């Protein structure tokens, strides 16, 4: 059975390709949806800036790593900019890593 904690644990290991801090700690992940009946994980996320061209470089590893969980048949990664990302979304660990 797939759990939100399992997905979160994986997202904490996937770094932003430019910053090197995990997507989770940066606060880029807004929502995790799990449909256990069909084995679909839906991840709603944002980027640090609207013009950031790295979505495919970020979504690929998410699909690959989350897709390794037992029972997962499909991983959907959806991009949103509502609400806009801000540094307030970062964990204390991310702020410390980045010197804030």
N, C-alpha and C. Protein backbone atom coordinates (compact mmCIF):
# COMPACT_ATOMS: atom_id res chain seq x y z
N UNK A 1 0.83 -1.18 0.00
CA UNK A 1 0.00 0.00 0.00
C UNK A 1 0.89 1.25 0.00
N UNK A 2 0.64 2.15 -0.91
CA UNK A 2 1.41 3.37 -1.08
C UNK A 2 0.95 4.40 -0.05
N UNK A 3 1.92 5.05 0.61
CA UNK A 3 1.56 6.08 1.59
C UNK A 3 2.18 7.42 1.20
N UNK A 4 1.61 8.47 1.73
CA UNK A 4 2.13 9.81 1.48
C UNK A 4 3.55 9.92 2.03
N UNK A 5 3.80 9.32 3.18
CA UNK A 5 5.14 9.36 3.80
C UNK A 5 6.19 8.76 2.89
N UNK A 6 5.84 7.66 2.19
CA UNK A 6 6.79 7.05 1.25
C UNK A 6 7.14 8.02 0.12
N UNK A 7 6.13 8.68 -0.41
CA UNK A 7 6.35 9.63 -1.51
C UNK A 7 7.17 10.82 -1.01
N UNK A 8 6.83 11.34 0.15
CA UNK A 8 7.58 12.45 0.73
C UNK A 8 9.06 12.09 0.91
N UNK A 9 9.30 10.89 1.41
CA UNK A 9 10.68 10.44 1.64
C UNK A 9 11.48 10.46 0.35
N UNK A 10 10.86 10.04 -0.74
CA UNK A 10 11.54 10.06 -2.04
C UNK A 10 11.78 11.49 -2.50
N UNK A 11 10.77 12.35 -2.37
CA UNK A 11 10.90 13.74 -2.81
C UNK A 11 11.99 14.48 -2.03
N UNK A 12 12.25 14.05 -0.81
CA UNK A 12 13.31 14.66 -0.01
C UNK A 12 14.70 14.30 -0.53
N UNK A 13 14.78 13.30 -1.41
CA UNK A 13 16.08 12.88 -1.96
C UNK A 13 16.34 13.46 -3.35
N UNK A 14 15.35 14.10 -3.96
CA UNK A 14 15.52 14.61 -5.33
C UNK A 14 15.89 16.09 -5.26
N UNK A 15 17.11 16.42 -5.69
CA UNK A 15 17.54 17.82 -5.60
C UNK A 15 17.06 18.66 -6.77
N UNK A 16 16.88 19.94 -6.50
CA UNK A 16 16.66 20.90 -7.57
C UNK A 16 17.96 20.94 -8.38
N UNK A 17 17.89 20.84 -9.71
CA UNK A 17 19.11 20.75 -10.51
C UNK A 17 20.01 21.99 -10.44
N UNK A 18 19.45 23.14 -10.14
CA UNK A 18 20.27 24.36 -10.06
C UNK A 18 20.76 24.64 -8.64
N UNK A 19 19.90 24.41 -7.67
CA UNK A 19 20.20 24.83 -6.30
C UNK A 19 20.83 23.70 -5.49
N UNK A 20 20.50 22.45 -5.81
CA UNK A 20 21.08 21.31 -5.10
C UNK A 20 20.38 20.95 -3.80
N UNK A 21 19.31 21.65 -3.46
CA UNK A 21 18.52 21.36 -2.26
C UNK A 21 17.31 20.56 -2.71
N UNK A 22 16.82 19.67 -1.86
CA UNK A 22 15.71 18.81 -2.26
C UNK A 22 14.47 19.62 -2.61
N UNK A 23 13.70 19.06 -3.54
CA UNK A 23 12.45 19.69 -3.96
C UNK A 23 11.52 19.89 -2.77
N UNK A 24 11.52 18.90 -1.89
CA UNK A 24 10.66 18.96 -0.71
C UNK A 24 11.08 20.11 0.21
N UNK A 25 12.39 20.18 0.51
CA UNK A 25 12.88 21.20 1.43
C UNK A 25 12.76 22.61 0.86
N UNK A 26 12.80 22.73 -0.45
CA UNK A 26 12.60 24.04 -1.08
C UNK A 26 11.13 24.48 -1.02
N UNK A 27 10.25 23.54 -0.74
CA UNK A 27 8.82 23.88 -0.68
C UNK A 27 8.17 23.93 -2.05
N UNK A 28 8.75 23.20 -3.01
CA UNK A 28 8.21 23.19 -4.37
C UNK A 28 7.02 22.25 -4.53
N UNK A 29 6.87 21.33 -3.59
CA UNK A 29 5.78 20.36 -3.67
C UNK A 29 4.57 20.91 -2.92
N UNK A 30 3.47 21.09 -3.62
CA UNK A 30 2.25 21.64 -3.02
C UNK A 30 1.29 20.55 -2.57
N UNK A 31 1.24 19.46 -3.30
CA UNK A 31 0.22 18.45 -2.99
C UNK A 31 0.65 17.09 -3.54
N UNK A 32 0.30 16.05 -2.80
CA UNK A 32 0.52 14.67 -3.23
C UNK A 32 -0.82 13.97 -3.19
N UNK A 33 -1.25 13.47 -4.33
CA UNK A 33 -2.50 12.72 -4.39
C UNK A 33 -2.21 11.27 -4.71
N UNK A 34 -2.86 10.37 -4.01
CA UNK A 34 -2.63 8.93 -4.21
C UNK A 34 -3.95 8.25 -4.51
N UNK A 35 -4.02 7.61 -5.67
CA UNK A 35 -5.19 6.79 -6.02
C UNK A 35 -4.72 5.35 -5.98
N UNK A 36 -4.92 4.72 -4.85
CA UNK A 36 -4.41 3.36 -4.62
C UNK A 36 -5.09 2.34 -5.51
N UNK A 37 -6.32 2.60 -5.89
CA UNK A 37 -7.06 1.63 -6.71
C UNK A 37 -6.40 1.42 -8.07
N UNK A 38 -5.92 2.50 -8.67
CA UNK A 38 -5.31 2.38 -9.99
C UNK A 38 -3.80 2.56 -9.97
N UNK A 39 -3.24 2.84 -8.80
CA UNK A 39 -1.79 2.96 -8.68
C UNK A 39 -1.23 4.25 -9.25
N UNK A 40 -1.99 5.34 -9.17
CA UNK A 40 -1.55 6.62 -9.70
C UNK A 40 -1.17 7.57 -8.57
N UNK A 41 -0.03 8.21 -8.73
CA UNK A 41 0.41 9.25 -7.81
C UNK A 41 0.38 10.56 -8.59
N UNK A 42 -0.27 11.56 -8.03
CA UNK A 42 -0.34 12.88 -8.66
C UNK A 42 0.39 13.87 -7.77
N UNK A 43 1.37 14.55 -8.33
CA UNK A 43 2.15 15.52 -7.58
C UNK A 43 1.93 16.89 -8.20
N UNK A 44 1.45 17.81 -7.38
CA UNK A 44 1.26 19.20 -7.80
C UNK A 44 2.43 19.98 -7.24
N UNK A 45 3.14 20.66 -8.12
CA UNK A 45 4.34 21.37 -7.70
C UNK A 45 4.47 22.70 -8.41
N UNK A 46 5.43 23.47 -7.96
CA UNK A 46 5.73 24.75 -8.58
C UNK A 46 7.23 24.82 -8.83
N UNK A 47 7.66 25.92 -9.38
CA UNK A 47 9.07 26.21 -9.57
C UNK A 47 9.38 27.53 -8.87
N UNK A 48 10.65 27.81 -8.66
CA UNK A 48 11.00 29.03 -7.94
C UNK A 48 10.65 30.28 -8.73
N UNK A 49 10.65 30.18 -10.06
CA UNK A 49 10.27 31.32 -10.91
C UNK A 49 9.42 30.82 -12.06
N UNK A 50 8.53 31.66 -12.54
CA UNK A 50 7.63 31.29 -13.63
C UNK A 50 8.42 30.97 -14.90
N UNK A 51 9.47 31.68 -15.19
CA UNK A 51 10.23 31.46 -16.42
C UNK A 51 11.26 30.34 -16.35
N UNK A 52 11.31 29.62 -15.26
CA UNK A 52 12.31 28.55 -15.09
C UNK A 52 12.10 27.46 -16.14
N UNK A 53 13.14 27.16 -16.92
CA UNK A 53 13.02 26.17 -17.98
C UNK A 53 13.30 24.73 -17.55
N UNK A 54 13.41 24.48 -16.26
CA UNK A 54 13.89 23.18 -15.78
C UNK A 54 12.79 22.19 -15.40
N UNK A 55 11.55 22.46 -15.73
CA UNK A 55 10.48 21.57 -15.29
C UNK A 55 10.72 20.12 -15.73
N UNK A 56 11.10 19.91 -16.98
CA UNK A 56 11.32 18.54 -17.46
C UNK A 56 12.48 17.86 -16.73
N UNK A 57 13.51 18.64 -16.38
CA UNK A 57 14.64 18.07 -15.63
C UNK A 57 14.26 17.72 -14.20
N UNK A 58 13.21 18.34 -13.70
CA UNK A 58 12.73 18.06 -12.35
C UNK A 58 11.67 16.96 -12.37
N UNK A 59 10.74 17.05 -13.31
CA UNK A 59 9.63 16.09 -13.38
C UNK A 59 10.13 14.68 -13.71
N UNK A 60 11.14 14.58 -14.55
CA UNK A 60 11.67 13.26 -14.93
C UNK A 60 12.11 12.43 -13.75
N UNK A 61 13.01 12.95 -12.90
CA UNK A 61 13.42 12.19 -11.72
C UNK A 61 12.27 11.90 -10.75
N UNK A 62 11.30 12.80 -10.65
CA UNK A 62 10.15 12.53 -9.79
C UNK A 62 9.41 11.31 -10.32
N UNK A 63 9.11 11.30 -11.61
CA UNK A 63 8.39 10.17 -12.20
C UNK A 63 9.18 8.87 -12.02
N UNK A 64 10.47 8.95 -12.27
CA UNK A 64 11.32 7.75 -12.19
C UNK A 64 11.40 7.20 -10.77
N UNK A 65 11.70 8.06 -9.81
CA UNK A 65 11.92 7.58 -8.44
C UNK A 65 10.62 7.19 -7.75
N UNK A 66 9.59 8.01 -7.86
CA UNK A 66 8.31 7.67 -7.24
C UNK A 66 7.72 6.44 -7.93
N UNK A 67 7.97 6.31 -9.22
CA UNK A 67 7.48 5.16 -9.98
C UNK A 67 8.05 3.83 -9.53
N UNK A 68 9.12 3.86 -8.76
CA UNK A 68 9.74 2.63 -8.26
C UNK A 68 9.00 2.05 -7.05
N UNK A 69 8.13 2.84 -6.45
CA UNK A 69 7.37 2.33 -5.30
C UNK A 69 6.47 1.18 -5.72
N UNK A 70 6.40 0.17 -4.88
CA UNK A 70 5.55 -0.98 -5.16
C UNK A 70 4.09 -0.54 -5.27
N UNK A 71 3.46 -0.94 -6.35
CA UNK A 71 2.06 -0.61 -6.57
C UNK A 71 1.82 0.62 -7.42
N UNK A 72 2.88 1.38 -7.71
CA UNK A 72 2.72 2.59 -8.53
C UNK A 72 2.79 2.21 -10.00
N UNK A 73 1.76 2.58 -10.73
CA UNK A 73 1.71 2.30 -12.16
C UNK A 73 1.91 3.57 -12.99
N UNK A 74 1.59 4.72 -12.37
CA UNK A 74 1.68 5.98 -13.11
C UNK A 74 1.97 7.11 -12.14
N UNK A 75 2.84 8.03 -12.56
CA UNK A 75 3.14 9.22 -11.77
C UNK A 75 2.87 10.43 -12.65
N UNK A 76 1.95 11.27 -12.19
CA UNK A 76 1.62 12.50 -12.91
C UNK A 76 2.21 13.67 -12.14
N UNK A 77 2.95 14.52 -12.84
CA UNK A 77 3.53 15.70 -12.21
C UNK A 77 2.90 16.92 -12.89
N UNK A 78 2.20 17.70 -12.09
CA UNK A 78 1.49 18.86 -12.61
C UNK A 78 2.13 20.13 -12.08
N UNK A 79 2.27 21.11 -12.95
CA UNK A 79 2.92 22.37 -12.61
C UNK A 79 1.87 23.45 -12.38
N UNK A 80 2.06 24.23 -11.32
CA UNK A 80 1.19 25.37 -11.03
C UNK A 80 2.04 26.52 -10.52
N UNK A 81 1.51 27.70 -10.66
CA UNK A 81 2.17 28.87 -10.08
C UNK A 81 1.22 29.61 -9.14
N UNK A 82 0.17 28.92 -8.73
CA UNK A 82 -0.80 29.47 -7.79
C UNK A 82 -0.83 28.60 -6.54
N UNK A 83 -0.45 29.05 -5.43
CA UNK A 83 0.14 30.36 -5.18
C UNK A 83 1.59 30.39 -5.65
N UNK A 84 2.11 31.57 -5.91
CA UNK A 84 3.51 31.67 -6.31
C UNK A 84 4.43 31.18 -5.20
N UNK A 85 5.54 30.60 -5.58
CA UNK A 85 6.52 30.14 -4.61
C UNK A 85 7.18 31.35 -3.94
N UNK A 86 7.51 31.19 -2.67
CA UNK A 86 8.31 32.19 -1.97
C UNK A 86 9.26 31.47 -1.02
N UNK A 87 10.27 32.17 -0.56
CA UNK A 87 11.25 31.56 0.33
C UNK A 87 10.63 31.13 1.65
N UNK A 88 9.48 31.65 1.98
CA UNK A 88 8.78 31.24 3.20
C UNK A 88 8.39 29.77 3.17
N UNK A 89 8.30 29.17 2.00
CA UNK A 89 7.92 27.77 1.86
C UNK A 89 9.06 26.81 2.19
N UNK A 90 10.29 27.31 2.24
CA UNK A 90 11.45 26.46 2.48
C UNK A 90 11.49 25.98 3.93
N UNK A 91 12.00 24.76 4.12
CA UNK A 91 12.21 24.25 5.47
C UNK A 91 13.41 24.98 6.09
N UNK A 92 13.53 24.86 7.40
CA UNK A 92 14.67 25.46 8.09
C UNK A 92 15.98 24.84 7.58
N UNK A 93 15.95 23.55 7.25
CA UNK A 93 17.15 22.87 6.73
C UNK A 93 17.58 23.49 5.41
N UNK A 94 16.63 23.77 4.53
CA UNK A 94 16.95 24.37 3.24
C UNK A 94 17.52 25.78 3.44
N UNK A 95 16.90 26.53 4.31
CA UNK A 95 17.39 27.89 4.58
C UNK A 95 18.81 27.86 5.11
N UNK A 96 19.11 26.90 5.99
CA UNK A 96 20.46 26.77 6.53
C UNK A 96 21.46 26.39 5.43
N UNK A 97 21.05 25.44 4.57
CA UNK A 97 21.93 25.02 3.47
C UNK A 97 22.26 26.18 2.55
N UNK A 98 21.30 27.07 2.35
CA UNK A 98 21.48 28.19 1.44
C UNK A 98 21.98 29.46 2.13
N UNK A 99 22.21 29.38 3.43
CA UNK A 99 22.76 30.50 4.16
C UNK A 99 21.79 31.60 4.50
N UNK A 100 20.50 31.26 4.60
CA UNK A 100 19.49 32.27 4.97
C UNK A 100 19.23 32.23 6.46
